Amino acid sequence: VFDAFGMDLILIETVGVGQAELDVLRCADTIM
């Protein structure tokens, strides 16, 4: 939705990661 709305940059902040919280791989181009 943000992409189609015209945003240049989308920042996706996860909850505090534990040992299995890797869903961010499915959403991000690059991971910080």
PDB file of all heavy atoms in Angstrom:
ATOM      1  N   VAL A   1       0.840  -1.204   0.000  1.00  0.00           N
ATOM      2  CA  VAL A   1       0.000   0.000   0.000  1.00  0.00           C
ATOM      3  C   VAL A   1       0.873   1.252   0.000  1.00  0.00           C
ATOM      4  O   VAL A   1       0.653   2.187  -0.783  1.00  0.00           O
ATOM      5  CB  VAL A   1      -0.952   0.004   1.211  1.00  0.00           C
ATOM      6  CG1 VAL A   1      -1.721   1.327   1.282  1.00  0.00           C
ATOM      7  CG2 VAL A   1      -1.932  -1.158   1.138  1.00  0.00           C
ATOM      8  N   PHE A   2       1.888   1.275   0.866  1.00  0.00           N
ATOM      9  CA  PHE A   2       2.799   2.423   0.911  1.00  0.00           C
ATOM     10  C   PHE A   2       3.499   2.615  -0.436  1.00  0.00           C
ATOM     11  O   PHE A   2       3.694   3.747  -0.889  1.00  0.00           O
ATOM     12  CB  PHE A   2       3.854   2.213   1.999  1.00  0.00           C
ATOM     13  CG  PHE A   2       3.426   2.658   3.370  1.00  0.00           C
ATOM     14  CD1 PHE A   2       3.933   2.038   4.511  1.00  0.00           C
ATOM     15  CD2 PHE A   2       2.541   3.697   3.550  1.00  0.00           C
ATOM     16  CE1 PHE A   2       3.567   2.446   5.778  1.00  0.00           C
ATOM     17  CE2 PHE A   2       2.155   4.116   4.817  1.00  0.00           C
ATOM     18  CZ  PHE A   2       2.667   3.493   5.931  1.00  0.00           C
ATOM     19  N   ASP A   3       3.905   1.508  -1.052  1.00  0.00           N
ATOM     20  CA  ASP A   3       4.602   1.577  -2.336  1.00  0.00           C
ATOM     21  C   ASP A   3       3.704   2.229  -3.394  1.00  0.00           C
ATOM     22  O   ASP A   3       4.116   3.164  -4.098  1.00  0.00           O
ATOM     23  CB  ASP A   3       5.018   0.167  -2.767  1.00  0.00           C
ATOM     24  CG  ASP A   3       6.045   0.169  -3.883  1.00  0.00           C
ATOM     25  OD1 ASP A   3       6.119   1.157  -4.634  1.00  0.00           O
ATOM     26  OD2 ASP A   3       6.785  -0.830  -4.013  1.00  0.00           O
ATOM     27  N   ALA A   4       2.470   1.742  -3.492  1.00  0.00           N
ATOM     28  CA  ALA A   4       1.550   2.281  -4.487  1.00  0.00           C
ATOM     29  C   ALA A   4       1.132   3.712  -4.156  1.00  0.00           C
ATOM     30  O   ALA A   4       0.736   4.467  -5.050  1.00  0.00           O
ATOM     31  CB  ALA A   4       0.314   1.386  -4.598  1.00  0.00           C
ATOM     32  N   PHE A   5       1.233   4.079  -2.884  1.00  0.00           N
ATOM     33  CA  PHE A   5       0.886   5.438  -2.453  1.00  0.00           C
ATOM     34  C   PHE A   5       1.967   6.436  -2.867  1.00  0.00           C
ATOM     35  O   PHE A   5       1.750   7.638  -2.812  1.00  0.00           O
ATOM     36  CB  PHE A   5       0.692   5.462  -0.939  1.00  0.00           C
ATOM     37  CG  PHE A   5       0.040   6.705  -0.406  1.00  0.00           C
ATOM     38  CD1 PHE A   5      -1.245   7.060  -0.812  1.00  0.00           C
ATOM     39  CD2 PHE A   5       0.699   7.524   0.493  1.00  0.00           C
ATOM     40  CE1 PHE A   5      -1.854   8.216  -0.315  1.00  0.00           C
ATOM     41  CE2 PHE A   5       0.104   8.670   1.002  1.00  0.00           C
ATOM     42  CZ  PHE A   5      -1.185   9.020   0.588  1.00  0.00           C
ATOM     43  N   GLY A   6       3.136   5.917  -3.263  1.00  0.00           N
ATOM     44  CA  GLY A   6       4.188   6.787  -3.769  1.00  0.00           C
ATOM     45  C   GLY A   6       5.349   7.019  -2.838  1.00  0.00           C
ATOM     46  O   GLY A   6       6.185   7.901  -3.085  1.00  0.00           O
ATOM     47  N   MET A   7       5.457   6.231  -1.764  1.00  0.00           N
ATOM     48  CA  MET A   7       6.578   6.391  -0.846  1.00  0.00           C
ATOM     49  C   MET A   7       7.883   5.959  -1.516  1.00  0.00           C
ATOM     50  O   MET A   7       7.929   4.965  -2.237  1.00  0.00           O
ATOM     51  CB  MET A   7       6.348   5.574   0.430  1.00  0.00           C
ATOM     52  CG  MET A   7       5.178   6.062   1.264  1.00  0.00           C
ATOM     53  SD  MET A   7       5.449   7.776   1.791  1.00  0.00           S
ATOM     54  CE  MET A   7       3.945   8.110   2.693  1.00  0.00           C
ATOM     55  N   ASP A   8       8.953   6.710  -1.266  1.00  0.00           N
ATOM     56  CA  ASP A   8      10.266   6.369  -1.819  1.00  0.00           C
ATOM     57  C   ASP A   8      10.984   5.319  -0.978  1.00  0.00           C
ATOM     58  O   ASP A   8      11.714   4.486  -1.499  1.00  0.00           O
ATOM     59  CB  ASP A   8      11.149   7.621  -1.888  1.00  0.00           C
ATOM     60  CG  ASP A   8      10.545   8.708  -2.766  1.00  0.00           C
ATOM     61  OD1 ASP A   8      10.187   8.391  -3.919  1.00  0.00           O
ATOM     62  OD2 ASP A   8      10.423   9.847  -2.300  1.00  0.00           O
ATOM     63  N   LEU A   9      10.779   5.397   0.338  1.00  0.00           N
ATOM     64  CA  LEU A   9      11.478   4.525   1.279  1.00  0.00           C
ATOM     65  C   LEU A   9      10.470   3.982   2.281  1.00  0.00           C
ATOM     66  O   LEU A   9       9.652   4.727   2.821  1.00  0.00           O
ATOM     67  CB  LEU A   9      12.572   5.313   2.007  1.00  0.00           C
ATOM     68  CG  LEU A   9      13.371   4.591   3.096  1.00  0.00           C
ATOM     69  CD1 LEU A   9      14.221   3.476   2.494  1.00  0.00           C
ATOM     70  CD2 LEU A   9      14.258   5.571   3.858  1.00  0.00           C
ATOM     71  N   ILE A  10      10.530   2.667   2.522  1.00  0.00           N
ATOM     72  CA  ILE A  10       9.651   2.036   3.495  1.00  0.00           C
ATOM     73  C   ILE A  10      10.515   1.398   4.576  1.00  0.00           C
ATOM     74  O   ILE A  10      11.338   0.533   4.284  1.00  0.00           O
ATOM     75  CB  ILE A  10       8.750   0.970   2.837  1.00  0.00           C
ATOM     76  CG1 ILE A  10       7.898   1.608   1.741  1.00  0.00           C
ATOM     77  CG2 ILE A  10       7.858   0.282   3.879  1.00  0.00           C
ATOM     78  CD1 ILE A  10       7.127   0.611   0.891  1.00  0.00           C
ATOM     79  N   LEU A  11      10.361   1.863   5.805  1.00  0.00           N
ATOM     80  CA  LEU A  11      11.125   1.349   6.938  1.00  0.00           C
ATOM     81  C   LEU A  11      10.227   0.418   7.742  1.00  0.00           C
ATOM     82  O   LEU A  11       9.139   0.817   8.180  1.00  0.00           O
ATOM     83  CB  LEU A  11      11.617   2.498   7.819  1.00  0.00           C
ATOM     84  CG  LEU A  11      12.486   3.552   7.126  1.00  0.00           C
ATOM     85  CD1 LEU A  11      12.811   4.691   8.097  1.00  0.00           C
ATOM     86  CD2 LEU A  11      13.770   2.935   6.573  1.00  0.00           C
ATOM     87  N   ILE A  12      10.675  -0.817   7.928  1.00  0.00           N
ATOM     88  CA  ILE A  12       9.874  -1.837   8.607  1.00  0.00           C
ATOM     89  C   ILE A  12      10.582  -2.217   9.895  1.00  0.00           C
ATOM     90  O   ILE A  12      11.616  -2.903   9.883  1.00  0.00           O
ATOM     91  CB  ILE A  12       9.679  -3.082   7.713  1.00  0.00           C
ATOM     92  CG1 ILE A  12       9.054  -2.676   6.373  1.00  0.00           C
ATOM     93  CG2 ILE A  12       8.835  -4.127   8.424  1.00  0.00           C
ATOM     94  CD1 ILE A  12       9.051  -3.788   5.332  1.00  0.00           C
ATOM     95  N   GLU A  13      10.041  -1.760  11.008  1.00  0.00           N
ATOM     96  CA  GLU A  13      10.646  -2.039  12.309  1.00  0.00           C
ATOM     97  C   GLU A  13       9.973  -3.239  12.954  1.00  0.00           C
ATOM     98  O   GLU A  13       8.765  -3.235  13.203  1.00  0.00           O
ATOM     99  CB  GLU A  13      10.514  -0.823  13.228  1.00  0.00           C
ATOM    100  CG  GLU A  13      11.137  -1.052  14.598  1.00  0.00           C
ATOM    101  CD  GLU A  13      10.617  -0.096  15.650  1.00  0.00           C
ATOM    102  OE1 GLU A  13      10.077   0.961  15.282  1.00  0.00           O
ATOM    103  OE2 GLU A  13      10.740  -0.419  16.850  1.00  0.00           O
ATOM    104  N   THR A  14      10.754  -4.280  13.230  1.00  0.00           N
ATOM    105  CA  THR A  14      10.191  -5.488  13.824  1.00  0.00           C
ATOM    106  C   THR A  14      10.072  -5.334  15.337  1.00  0.00           C
ATOM    107  O   THR A  14      10.605  -4.401  15.937  1.00  0.00           O
ATOM    108  CB  THR A  14      11.075  -6.717  13.540  1.00  0.00           C
ATOM    109  OG1 THR A  14      12.242  -6.674  14.378  1.00  0.00           O
ATOM    110  CG2 THR A  14      11.497  -6.774  12.087  1.00  0.00           C
ATOM    111  N   VAL A  15       9.374  -6.288  15.954  1.00  0.00           N
ATOM    112  CA  VAL A  15       9.429  -6.381  17.410  1.00  0.00           C
ATOM    113  C   VAL A  15      10.816  -6.903  17.785  1.00  0.00           C
ATOM    114  O   VAL A  15      11.605  -7.270  16.929  1.00  0.00           O
ATOM    115  CB  VAL A  15       8.334  -7.331  17.959  1.00  0.00           C
ATOM    116  CG1 VAL A  15       6.960  -6.882  17.524  1.00  0.00           C
ATOM    117  CG2 VAL A  15       8.572  -8.760  17.507  1.00  0.00           C
ATOM    118  N   GLY A  16      11.142  -6.948  19.067  1.00  0.00           N
ATOM    119  CA  GLY A  16      12.449  -7.444  19.490  1.00  0.00           C
ATOM    120  C   GLY A  16      12.661  -8.885  19.073  1.00  0.00           C
ATOM    121  O   GLY A  16      11.859  -9.758  19.411  1.00  0.00           O
ATOM    122  N   VAL A  17      13.716  -9.146  18.324  1.00  0.00           N
ATOM    123  CA  VAL A  17      13.907 -10.475  17.754  1.00  0.00           C
ATOM    124  C   VAL A  17      14.356 -11.475  18.803  1.00  0.00           C
ATOM    125  O   VAL A  17      15.066 -11.155  19.744  1.00  0.00           O
ATOM    126  CB  VAL A  17      14.944 -10.462  16.605  1.00  0.00           C
ATOM    127  CG1 VAL A  17      14.421  -9.682  15.426  1.00  0.00           C
ATOM    128  CG2 VAL A  17      16.274  -9.912  17.069  1.00  0.00           C
ATOM    129  N   GLY A  18      13.931 -12.696  18.606  1.00  0.00           N
ATOM    130  CA  GLY A  18      14.372 -13.813  19.442  1.00  0.00           C
ATOM    131  C   GLY A  18      15.084 -14.823  18.579  1.00  0.00           C
ATOM    132  O   GLY A  18      15.812 -14.458  17.660  1.00  0.00           O
ATOM    133  N   GLN A  19      14.817 -16.101  18.788  1.00  0.00           N
ATOM    134  CA  GLN A  19      15.558 -17.124  18.069  1.00  0.00           C
ATOM    135  C   GLN A  19      14.877 -17.581  16.786  1.00  0.00           C
ATOM    136  O   GLN A  19      15.422 -18.398  16.057  1.00  0.00           O
ATOM    137  CB  GLN A  19      15.781 -18.327  18.985  1.00  0.00           C
ATOM    138  CG  GLN A  19      16.742 -18.027  20.122  1.00  0.00           C
ATOM    139  CD  GLN A  19      17.153 -19.276  20.854  1.00  0.00           C
ATOM    140  OE1 GLN A  19      17.303 -20.339  20.261  1.00  0.00           O
ATOM    141  NE2 GLN A  19      17.349 -19.161  22.149  1.00  0.00           N
ATOM    142  N   ALA A  20      13.674 -17.120  16.510  1.00  0.00           N
ATOM    143  CA  ALA A  20      12.997 -17.606  15.315  1.00  0.00           C
ATOM    144  C   ALA A  20      12.271 -16.501  14.561  1.00  0.00           C
ATOM    145  O   ALA A  20      11.477 -16.776  13.690  1.00  0.00           O
ATOM    146  CB  ALA A  20      11.996 -18.705  15.699  1.00  0.00           C
ATOM    147  N   GLU A  21      12.549 -15.251  14.897  1.00  0.00           N
ATOM    148  CA  GLU A  21      11.780 -14.162  14.327  1.00  0.00           C
ATOM    149  C   GLU A  21      12.459 -13.624  13.070  1.00  0.00           C
ATOM    150  O   GLU A  21      13.145 -12.606  13.105  1.00  0.00           O
ATOM    151  CB  GLU A  21      11.572 -13.079  15.375  1.00  0.00           C
ATOM    152  CG  GLU A  21      10.686 -13.574  16.512  1.00  0.00           C
ATOM    153  CD  GLU A  21      10.662 -12.645  17.705  1.00  0.00           C
ATOM    154  OE1 GLU A  21      11.578 -11.817  17.817  1.00  0.00           O
ATOM    155  OE2 GLU A  21       9.737 -12.765  18.509  1.00  0.00           O
ATOM    156  N   LEU A  22      12.254 -14.315  11.963  1.00  0.00           N
ATOM    157  CA  LEU A  22      12.925 -13.961  10.725  1.00  0.00           C
ATOM    158  C   LEU A  22      11.929 -13.602   9.622  1.00  0.00           C
ATOM    159  O   LEU A  22      12.256 -13.649   8.450  1.00  0.00           O
ATOM    160  CB  LEU A  22      13.818 -15.130  10.267  1.00  0.00           C
ATOM    161  CG  LEU A  22      14.975 -15.477  11.211  1.00  0.00           C
ATOM    162  CD1 LEU A  22      15.700 -16.732  10.728  1.00  0.00           C
ATOM    163  CD2 LEU A  22      15.955 -14.319  11.322  1.00  0.00           C
ATOM    164  N   ASP A  23      10.708 -13.244  10.015  1.00  0.00           N
ATOM    165  CA  ASP A  23       9.708 -12.868   9.021  1.00  0.00           C
ATOM    166  C   ASP A  23      10.146 -11.668   8.192  1.00  0.00           C
ATOM    167  O   ASP A  23       9.663 -11.484   7.069  1.00  0.00           O
ATOM    168  CB  ASP A  23       8.382 -12.518   9.709  1.00  0.00           C
ATOM    169  CG  ASP A  23       7.574 -13.753  10.062  1.00  0.00           C
ATOM    170  OD1 ASP A  23       8.042 -14.868   9.766  1.00  0.00           O
ATOM    171  OD2 ASP A  23       6.485 -13.600  10.644  1.00  0.00           O
ATOM    172  N   VAL A  24      11.059 -10.869   8.740  1.00  0.00           N
ATOM    173  CA  VAL A  24      11.502  -9.677   8.021  1.00  0.00           C
ATOM    174  C   VAL A  24      12.132 -10.035   6.677  1.00  0.00           C
ATOM    175  O   VAL A  24      12.119  -9.232   5.734  1.00  0.00           O
ATOM    176  CB  VAL A  24      12.486  -8.860   8.897  1.00  0.00           C
ATOM    177  CG1 VAL A  24      13.807  -9.589   9.066  1.00  0.00           C
ATOM    178  CG2 VAL A  24      12.682  -7.454   8.340  1.00  0.00           C
ATOM    179  N   LEU A  25      12.646 -11.256   6.551  1.00  0.00           N
ATOM    180  CA  LEU A  25      13.201 -11.700   5.275  1.00  0.00           C
ATOM    181  C   LEU A  25      12.154 -11.678   4.167  1.00  0.00           C
ATOM    182  O   LEU A  25      12.476 -11.528   2.996  1.00  0.00           O
ATOM    183  CB  LEU A  25      13.761 -13.122   5.407  1.00  0.00           C
ATOM    184  CG  LEU A  25      15.076 -13.291   6.152  1.00  0.00           C
ATOM    185  CD1 LEU A  25      15.354 -14.767   6.395  1.00  0.00           C
ATOM    186  CD2 LEU A  25      16.216 -12.663   5.362  1.00  0.00           C
ATOM    187  N   ARG A  26      10.891 -11.854   4.561  1.00  0.00           N
ATOM    188  CA  ARG A  26       9.809 -11.948   3.588  1.00  0.00           C
ATOM    189  C   ARG A  26       9.277 -10.585   3.186  1.00  0.00           C
ATOM    190  O   ARG A  26       8.414 -10.495   2.313  1.00  0.00           O
ATOM    191  CB  ARG A  26       8.684 -12.800   4.180  1.00  0.00           C
ATOM    192  CG  ARG A  26       7.670 -13.326   3.189  1.00  0.00           C
ATOM    193  CD  ARG A  26       6.910 -14.516   3.749  1.00  0.00           C
ATOM    194  NE  ARG A  26       6.270 -14.222   5.009  1.00  0.00           N
ATOM    195  CZ  ARG A  26       5.044 -13.714   5.134  1.00  0.00           C
ATOM    196  NH1 ARG A  26       4.344 -13.420   4.061  1.00  0.00           N
ATOM    197  NH2 ARG A  26       4.509 -13.507   6.324  1.00  0.00           N
ATOM    198  N   CYS A  27       9.794  -9.529   3.814  1.00  0.00           N
ATOM    199  CA  CYS A  27       9.224  -8.196   3.579  1.00  0.00           C
ATOM    200  C   CYS A  27      10.223  -7.161   3.090  1.00  0.00           C
ATOM    201  O   CYS A  27       9.810  -6.152   2.527  1.00  0.00           O
ATOM    202  CB  CYS A  27       8.601  -7.672   4.879  1.00  0.00           C
ATOM    203  SG  CYS A  27       7.283  -8.696   5.530  1.00  0.00           S
ATOM    204  N   ALA A  28      11.509  -7.374   3.338  1.00  0.00           N
ATOM    205  CA  ALA A  28      12.490  -6.305   3.128  1.00  0.00           C
ATOM    206  C   ALA A  28      13.452  -6.612   1.988  1.00  0.00           C
ATOM    207  O   ALA A  28      13.786  -7.766   1.726  1.00  0.00           O
ATOM    208  CB  ALA A  28      13.270  -6.062   4.415  1.00  0.00           C
ATOM    209  N   ASP A  29      13.890  -5.538   1.312  1.00  0.00           N
ATOM    210  CA  ASP A  29      14.941  -5.664   0.305  1.00  0.00           C
ATOM    211  C   ASP A  29      16.306  -5.787   0.962  1.00  0.00           C
ATOM    212  O   ASP A  29      17.195  -6.458   0.452  1.00  0.00           O
ATOM    213  CB  ASP A  29      14.945  -4.434  -0.610  1.00  0.00           C
ATOM    214  CG  ASP A  29      13.650  -4.287  -1.386  1.00  0.00           C
ATOM    215  OD1 ASP A  29      13.151  -5.299  -1.888  1.00  0.00           O
ATOM    216  OD2 ASP A  29      13.139  -3.150  -1.478  1.00  0.00           O
ATOM    217  N   THR A  30      16.483  -5.099   2.071  1.00  0.00           N
ATOM    218  CA  THR A  30      17.754  -5.126   2.792  1.00  0.00           C
ATOM    219  C   THR A  30      17.462  -5.046   4.283  1.00  0.00           C
ATOM    220  O   THR A  30      16.458  -4.462   4.690  1.00  0.00           O
ATOM    221  CB  THR A  30      18.659  -3.955   2.334  1.00  0.00           C
ATOM    222  OG1 THR A  30      19.951  -4.099   2.912  1.00  0.00           O
ATOM    223  CG2 THR A  30      18.082  -2.612   2.697  1.00  0.00           C
ATOM    224  N   ILE A  31      18.325  -5.661   5.086  1.00  0.00           N
ATOM    225  CA  ILE A  31      18.058  -5.787   6.518  1.00  0.00           C
ATOM    226  C   ILE A  31      19.169  -5.146   7.318  1.00  0.00           C
ATOM    227  O   ILE A  31      20.357  -5.414   7.108  1.00  0.00           O
ATOM    228  CB  ILE A  31      17.911  -7.270   6.918  1.00  0.00           C
ATOM    229  CG1 ILE A  31      16.700  -7.880   6.196  1.00  0.00           C
ATOM    230  CG2 ILE A  31      17.745  -7.413   8.429  1.00  0.00           C
ATOM    231  CD1 ILE A  31      16.556  -9.363   6.388  1.00  0.00           C
ATOM    232  N   MET A  32      18.763  -4.286   8.265  1.00  0.00           N
ATOM    233  CA  MET A  32      19.685  -3.628   9.172  1.00  0.00           C
ATOM    234  C   MET A  32      19.504  -4.246  10.557  1.00  0.00           C
ATOM    235  O   MET A  32      18.410  -4.221  11.123  1.00  0.00           O
ATOM    236  CB  MET A  32      19.379  -2.128   9.208  1.00  0.00           C
ATOM    237  CG  MET A  32      20.247  -1.324  10.148  1.00  0.00           C
ATOM    238  SD  MET A  32      19.718   0.429  10.184  1.00  0.00           S
ATOM    239  CE  MET A  32      19.947   0.907   8.470  1.00  0.00           C
TER     240      MET A  32
END
